[in-house]
Amino acid sequence: MNQSNEDRKLQRILWRRGAEEPFRTYEPSTVTASAPYLATNCLQQLAEDQSKDFSLAPETLTNNCG
């Protein structure tokens, strides 16, 4: 998911290679999120998308993940 230019400043990263180096500023152009969060969301979306064929999947994932 791409961020708007206004949102990029909210995830600004300051970086420098060493204590004597000046800071550089980076603004990610994509959303940064933790891998477990993304994995859980993917599983929940898959369960919802496939609920017609696997009717117990949404309830099972909702009760056992995240």
PDB file of N, CA and C in Angstrom:
ATOM      1  N   MET A   1       0.841  -1.160   0.000  1.00  0.00           N
ATOM      2  CA  MET A   1       0.000   0.000   0.000  1.00  0.00           C
ATOM      3  C   MET A   1       0.896   1.235   0.000  1.00  0.00           C
ATOM      4  N   ASN A   2       0.675   2.108  -0.924  1.00  0.00           N
ATOM      5  CA  ASN A   2       1.460   3.336  -0.986  1.00  0.00           C
ATOM      6  C   ASN A   2       0.876   4.388  -0.064  1.00  0.00           C
ATOM      7  N   GLN A   3       1.734   5.183   0.489  1.00  0.00           N
ATOM      8  CA  GLN A   3       1.316   6.251   1.385  1.00  0.00           C
ATOM      9  C   GLN A   3       1.187   7.547   0.612  1.00  0.00           C
ATOM     10  N   SER A   4       0.356   8.444   1.129  1.00  0.00           N
ATOM     11  CA  SER A   4       0.303   9.777   0.551  1.00  0.00           C
ATOM     12  C   SER A   4       1.554  10.538   0.997  1.00  0.00           C
ATOM     13  N   ASN A   5       1.873  11.573   0.278  1.00  0.00           N
ATOM     14  CA  ASN A   5       3.049  12.382   0.628  1.00  0.00           C
ATOM     15  C   ASN A   5       2.920  12.961   2.039  1.00  0.00           C
ATOM     16  N   GLU A   6       1.693  13.264   2.472  1.00  0.00           N
ATOM     17  CA  GLU A   6       1.482  13.816   3.808  1.00  0.00           C
ATOM     18  C   GLU A   6       1.811  12.795   4.893  1.00  0.00           C
ATOM     19  N   ASP A   7       1.541  11.515   4.639  1.00  0.00           N
ATOM     20  CA  ASP A   7       1.760  10.471   5.636  1.00  0.00           C
ATOM     21  C   ASP A   7       3.218  10.049   5.752  1.00  0.00           C
ATOM     22  N   ARG A   8       4.001  10.238   4.730  1.00  0.00           N
ATOM     23  CA  ARG A   8       5.392   9.774   4.739  1.00  0.00           C
ATOM     24  C   ARG A   8       6.199  10.386   5.870  1.00  0.00           C
ATOM     25  N   LYS A   9       5.943  11.641   6.178  1.00  0.00           N
ATOM     26  CA  LYS A   9       6.717  12.308   7.226  1.00  0.00           C
ATOM     27  C   LYS A   9       6.461  11.689   8.600  1.00  0.00           C
ATOM     28  N   LEU A  10       5.330  10.982   8.752  1.00  0.00           N
ATOM     29  CA  LEU A  10       5.003  10.361  10.034  1.00  0.00           C
ATOM     30  C   LEU A  10       5.863   9.134  10.327  1.00  0.00           C
ATOM     31  N   GLN A  11       6.497   8.586   9.296  1.00  0.00           N
ATOM     32  CA  GLN A  11       7.374   7.425   9.480  1.00  0.00           C
ATOM     33  C   GLN A  11       8.819   7.754   9.109  1.00  0.00           C
ATOM     34  N   ARG A  12       9.161   8.987   9.241  1.00  0.00           N
ATOM     35  CA  ARG A  12      10.504   9.443   8.893  1.00  0.00           C
ATOM     36  C   ARG A  12      11.563   8.670   9.669  1.00  0.00           C
ATOM     37  N   ILE A  13      12.620   8.300   8.974  1.00  0.00           N
ATOM     38  CA  ILE A  13      13.716   7.537   9.572  1.00  0.00           C
ATOM     39  C   ILE A  13      14.982   8.393   9.539  1.00  0.00           C
ATOM     40  N   LEU A  14      15.641   8.487  10.694  1.00  0.00           N
ATOM     41  CA  LEU A  14      16.939   9.157  10.760  1.00  0.00           C
ATOM     42  C   LEU A  14      18.007   8.079  10.775  1.00  0.00           C
ATOM     43  N   TRP A  15      19.034   8.248   9.953  1.00  0.00           N
ATOM     44  CA  TRP A  15      20.053   7.209   9.828  1.00  0.00           C
ATOM     45  C   TRP A  15      21.410   7.855   9.672  1.00  0.00           C
ATOM     46  N   ARG A  16      22.401   7.234  10.302  1.00  0.00           N
ATOM     47  CA  ARG A  16      23.782   7.627  10.049  1.00  0.00           C
ATOM     48  C   ARG A  16      24.660   6.399  10.225  1.00  0.00           C
ATOM     49  N   ARG A  17      25.751   6.360   9.501  1.00  0.00           N
ATOM     50  CA  ARG A  17      26.636   5.197   9.507  1.00  0.00           C
ATOM     51  C   ARG A  17      27.520   5.142  10.752  1.00  0.00           C
ATOM     52  N   GLY A  18      27.821   6.261  11.324  1.00  0.00           N
ATOM     53  CA  GLY A  18      28.680   6.298  12.505  1.00  0.00           C
ATOM     54  C   GLY A  18      28.431   7.566  13.297  1.00  0.00           C
ATOM     55  N   ALA A  19      29.010   7.612  14.495  1.00  0.00           N
ATOM     56  CA  ALA A  19      28.783   8.738  15.395  1.00  0.00           C
ATOM     57  C   ALA A  19      29.267  10.066  14.818  1.00  0.00           C
ATOM     58  N   GLU A  20      30.253  10.009  13.950  1.00  0.00           N
ATOM     59  CA  GLU A  20      30.808  11.233  13.375  1.00  0.00           C
ATOM     60  C   GLU A  20      30.096  11.674  12.096  1.00  0.00           C
ATOM     61  N   GLU A  21      29.237  10.839  11.565  1.00  0.00           N
ATOM     62  CA  GLU A  21      28.533  11.143  10.314  1.00  0.00           C
ATOM     63  C   GLU A  21      27.272  11.971  10.591  1.00  0.00           C
ATOM     64  N   PRO A  22      26.891  12.821   9.663  1.00  0.00           N
ATOM     65  CA  PRO A  22      25.629  13.552   9.830  1.00  0.00           C
ATOM     66  C   PRO A  22      24.435  12.609   9.605  1.00  0.00           C
ATOM     67  N   PHE A  23      23.313  12.948  10.200  1.00  0.00           N
ATOM     68  CA  PHE A  23      22.100  12.161   9.995  1.00  0.00           C
ATOM     69  C   PHE A  23      21.568  12.381   8.587  1.00  0.00           C
ATOM     70  N   ARG A  24      21.012  11.326   8.016  1.00  0.00           N
ATOM     71  CA  ARG A  24      20.275  11.419   6.756  1.00  0.00           C
ATOM     72  C   ARG A  24      18.818  11.118   7.083  1.00  0.00           C
ATOM     73  N   THR A  25      17.916  11.724   6.365  1.00  0.00           N
ATOM     74  CA  THR A  25      16.496  11.519   6.578  1.00  0.00           C
ATOM     75  C   THR A  25      15.913  10.734   5.409  1.00  0.00           C
ATOM     76  N   TYR A  26      15.154   9.697   5.755  1.00  0.00           N
ATOM     77  CA  TYR A  26      14.465   8.888   4.748  1.00  0.00           C
ATOM     78  C   TYR A  26      12.978   8.878   5.069  1.00  0.00           C
ATOM     79  N   GLU A  27      12.168   8.902   4.032  1.00  0.00           N
ATOM     80  CA  GLU A  27      10.723   8.809   4.183  1.00  0.00           C
ATOM     81  C   GLU A  27      10.239   7.637   3.335  1.00  0.00           C
ATOM     82  N   PRO A  28       9.816   6.539   3.974  1.00  0.00           N
ATOM     83  CA  PRO A  28       9.387   5.356   3.230  1.00  0.00           C
ATOM     84  C   PRO A  28       8.210   5.666   2.304  1.00  0.00           C
ATOM     85  N   SER A  29       8.207   5.023   1.151  1.00  0.00           N
ATOM     86  CA  SER A  29       7.090   5.197   0.218  1.00  0.00           C
ATOM     87  C   SER A  29       6.082   4.055   0.336  1.00  0.00           C
ATOM     88  N   THR A  30       6.341   3.128   1.248  1.00  0.00           N
ATOM     89  CA  THR A  30       5.407   2.038   1.503  1.00  0.00           C
ATOM     90  C   THR A  30       5.112   1.977   2.996  1.00  0.00           C
ATOM     91  N   VAL A  31       4.036   1.311   3.323  1.00  0.00           N
ATOM     92  CA  VAL A  31       3.660   1.157   4.720  1.00  0.00           C
ATOM     93  C   VAL A  31       4.603   0.168   5.381  1.00  0.00           C
ATOM     94  N   THR A  32       5.082   0.515   6.545  1.00  0.00           N
ATOM     95  CA  THR A  32       5.911  -0.415   7.296  1.00  0.00           C
ATOM     96  C   THR A  32       5.063  -0.987   8.425  1.00  0.00           C
ATOM     97  N   ALA A  33       5.045  -2.294   8.518  1.00  0.00           N
ATOM     98  CA  ALA A  33       4.283  -2.974   9.571  1.00  0.00           C
ATOM     99  C   ALA A  33       5.020  -4.252   9.942  1.00  0.00           C
ATOM    100  N   SER A  34       4.698  -4.766  11.087  1.00  0.00           N
ATOM    101  CA  SER A  34       5.379  -5.977  11.543  1.00  0.00           C
ATOM    102  C   SER A  34       4.886  -7.195  10.764  1.00  0.00           C
ATOM    103  N   ALA A  35       5.778  -8.151  10.560  1.00  0.00           N
ATOM    104  CA  ALA A  35       5.453  -9.370   9.817  1.00  0.00           C
ATOM    105  C   ALA A  35       4.323 -10.167  10.475  1.00  0.00           C
ATOM    106  N   PRO A  36       4.295 -10.344  11.805  1.00  0.00           N
ATOM    107  CA  PRO A  36       3.185 -11.094  12.393  1.00  0.00           C
ATOM    108  C   PRO A  36       1.820 -10.442  12.133  1.00  0.00           C
ATOM    109  N   TYR A  37       1.781  -9.130  12.187  1.00  0.00           N
ATOM    110  CA  TYR A  37       0.534  -8.420  11.910  1.00  0.00           C
ATOM    111  C   TYR A  37       0.082  -8.685  10.475  1.00  0.00           C
ATOM    112  N   LEU A  38       1.004  -8.559   9.526  1.00  0.00           N
ATOM    113  CA  LEU A  38       0.658  -8.791   8.121  1.00  0.00           C
ATOM    114  C   LEU A  38       0.242 -10.235   7.882  1.00  0.00           C
ATOM    115  N   ALA A  39       0.923 -11.191   8.493  1.00  0.00           N
ATOM    116  CA  ALA A  39       0.581 -12.604   8.318  1.00  0.00           C
ATOM    117  C   ALA A  39      -0.812 -12.896   8.856  1.00  0.00           C
ATOM    118  N   THR A  40      -1.131 -12.366  10.029  1.00  0.00           N
ATOM    119  CA  THR A  40      -2.460 -12.577  10.613  1.00  0.00           C
ATOM    120  C   THR A  40      -3.538 -11.967   9.740  1.00  0.00           C
ATOM    121  N   ASN A  41      -3.302 -10.761   9.246  1.00  0.00           N
ATOM    122  CA  ASN A  41      -4.283 -10.127   8.364  1.00  0.00           C
ATOM    123  C   ASN A  41      -4.488 -10.924   7.080  1.00  0.00           C
ATOM    124  N   CYS A  42      -3.410 -11.455   6.526  1.00  0.00           N
ATOM    125  CA  CYS A  42      -3.514 -12.266   5.307  1.00  0.00           C
ATOM    126  C   CYS A  42      -4.354 -13.514   5.562  1.00  0.00           C
ATOM    127  N   LEU A  43      -4.117 -14.172   6.684  1.00  0.00           N
ATOM    128  CA  LEU A  43      -4.893 -15.368   7.017  1.00  0.00           C
ATOM    129  C   LEU A  43      -6.373 -15.041   7.203  1.00  0.00           C
ATOM    130  N   GLN A  44      -6.657 -13.958   7.889  1.00  0.00           N
ATOM    131  CA  GLN A  44      -8.050 -13.573   8.109  1.00  0.00           C
ATOM    132  C   GLN A  44      -8.744 -13.206   6.804  1.00  0.00           C
ATOM    133  N   GLN A  45      -8.044 -12.513   5.923  1.00  0.00           N
ATOM    134  CA  GLN A  45      -8.636 -12.155   4.630  1.00  0.00           C
ATOM    135  C   GLN A  45      -8.866 -13.396   3.782  1.00  0.00           C
ATOM    136  N   LEU A  46      -7.917 -14.306   3.785  1.00  0.00           N
ATOM    137  CA  LEU A  46      -8.058 -15.557   3.034  1.00  0.00           C
ATOM    138  C   LEU A  46      -9.255 -16.359   3.550  1.00  0.00           C
ATOM    139  N   ALA A  47      -9.390 -16.435   4.866  1.00  0.00           N
ATOM    140  CA  ALA A  47     -10.521 -17.162   5.448  1.00  0.00           C
ATOM    141  C   ALA A  47     -11.846 -16.527   5.039  1.00  0.00           C
ATOM    142  N   GLU A  48     -11.888 -15.201   5.049  1.00  0.00           N
ATOM    143  CA  GLU A  48     -13.107 -14.504   4.637  1.00  0.00           C
ATOM    144  C   GLU A  48     -13.399 -14.739   3.158  1.00  0.00           C
ATOM    145  N   ASP A  49     -12.366 -14.639   2.333  1.00  0.00           N
ATOM    146  CA  ASP A  49     -12.538 -14.818   0.890  1.00  0.00           C
ATOM    147  C   ASP A  49     -12.987 -16.235   0.538  1.00  0.00           C
ATOM    148  N   GLN A  50     -12.538 -17.218   1.314  1.00  0.00           N
ATOM    149  CA  GLN A  50     -12.830 -18.617   1.015  1.00  0.00           C
ATOM    150  C   GLN A  50     -13.939 -19.191   1.902  1.00  0.00           C
ATOM    151  N   SER A  51     -14.655 -18.348   2.616  1.00  0.00           N
ATOM    152  CA  SER A  51     -15.649 -18.834   3.574  1.00  0.00           C
ATOM    153  C   SER A  51     -16.774 -19.633   2.914  1.00  0.00           C
ATOM    154  N   LYS A  52     -17.031 -19.398   1.650  1.00  0.00           N
ATOM    155  CA  LYS A  52     -18.072 -20.164   0.945  1.00  0.00           C
ATOM    156  C   LYS A  52     -17.687 -21.641   0.884  1.00  0.00           C
ATOM    157  N   ASP A  53     -16.428 -21.934   0.614  1.00  0.00           N
ATOM    158  CA  ASP A  53     -15.950 -23.318   0.504  1.00  0.00           C
ATOM    159  C   ASP A  53     -15.479 -23.894   1.834  1.00  0.00           C
ATOM    160  N   PHE A  54     -15.058 -23.020   2.754  1.00  0.00           N
ATOM    161  CA  PHE A  54     -14.526 -23.472   4.045  1.00  0.00           C
ATOM    162  C   PHE A  54     -15.236 -22.690   5.149  1.00  0.00           C
ATOM    163  N   SER A  55     -16.424 -23.095   5.487  1.00  0.00           N
ATOM    164  CA  SER A  55     -17.297 -22.309   6.364  1.00  0.00           C
ATOM    165  C   SER A  55     -16.773 -22.134   7.787  1.00  0.00           C
ATOM    166  N   LEU A  56     -15.922 -23.024   8.258  1.00  0.00           N
ATOM    167  CA  LEU A  56     -15.398 -22.899   9.630  1.00  0.00           C
ATOM    168  C   LEU A  56     -14.142 -22.023   9.705  1.00  0.00           C
ATOM    169  N   ALA A  57     -13.565 -21.712   8.579  1.00  0.00           N
ATOM    170  CA  ALA A  57     -12.293 -20.966   8.575  1.00  0.00           C
ATOM    171  C   ALA A  57     -12.373 -19.600   9.239  1.00  0.00           C
ATOM    172  N   PRO A  58     -13.347 -18.735   8.913  1.00  0.00           N
ATOM    173  CA  PRO A  58     -13.354 -17.406   9.545  1.00  0.00           C
ATOM    174  C   PRO A  58     -13.455 -17.472  11.071  1.00  0.00           C
ATOM    175  N   GLU A  59     -14.344 -18.300  11.594  1.00  0.00           N
ATOM    176  CA  GLU A  59     -14.507 -18.402  13.038  1.00  0.00           C
ATOM    177  C   GLU A  59     -13.261 -18.993  13.694  1.00  0.00           C
ATOM    178  N   THR A  60     -12.675 -20.013  13.065  1.00  0.00           N
ATOM    179  CA  THR A  60     -11.494 -20.650  13.611  1.00  0.00           C
ATOM    180  C   THR A  60     -10.337 -19.663  13.701  1.00  0.00           C
ATOM    181  N   LEU A  61     -10.100 -18.915  12.633  1.00  0.00           N
ATOM    182  CA  LEU A  61      -8.992 -17.951  12.654  1.00  0.00           C
ATOM    183  C   LEU A  61      -9.268 -16.787  13.607  1.00  0.00           C
ATOM    184  N   THR A  62     -10.509 -16.338  13.652  1.00  0.00           N
ATOM    185  CA  THR A  62     -10.843 -15.240  14.541  1.00  0.00           C
ATOM    186  C   THR A  62     -10.618 -15.633  16.004  1.00  0.00           C
ATOM    187  N   ASN A  63     -10.952 -16.854  16.346  1.00  0.00           N
ATOM    188  CA  ASN A  63     -10.821 -17.307  17.730  1.00  0.00           C
ATOM    189  C   ASN A  63      -9.410 -17.762  18.097  1.00  0.00           C
ATOM    190  N   ASN A  64      -8.566 -18.043  17.113  1.00  0.00           N
ATOM    191  CA  ASN A  64      -7.264 -18.629  17.398  1.00  0.00           C
ATOM    192  C   ASN A  64      -6.069 -17.819  16.908  1.00  0.00           C
ATOM    193  N   CYS A  65      -6.288 -16.725  16.236  1.00  0.00           N
ATOM    194  CA  CYS A  65      -5.188 -15.888  15.738  1.00  0.00           C
ATOM    195  C   CYS A  65      -5.426 -14.450  16.151  1.00  0.00           C
ATOM    196  N   GLY A  66      -4.325 -13.791  16.504  1.00  0.00           N
ATOM    197  CA  GLY A  66      -4.374 -12.364  16.782  1.00  0.00           C
ATOM    198  C   GLY A  66      -5.228 -12.031  17.877  1.00  0.00           C
TER     199      GLY A  66
END
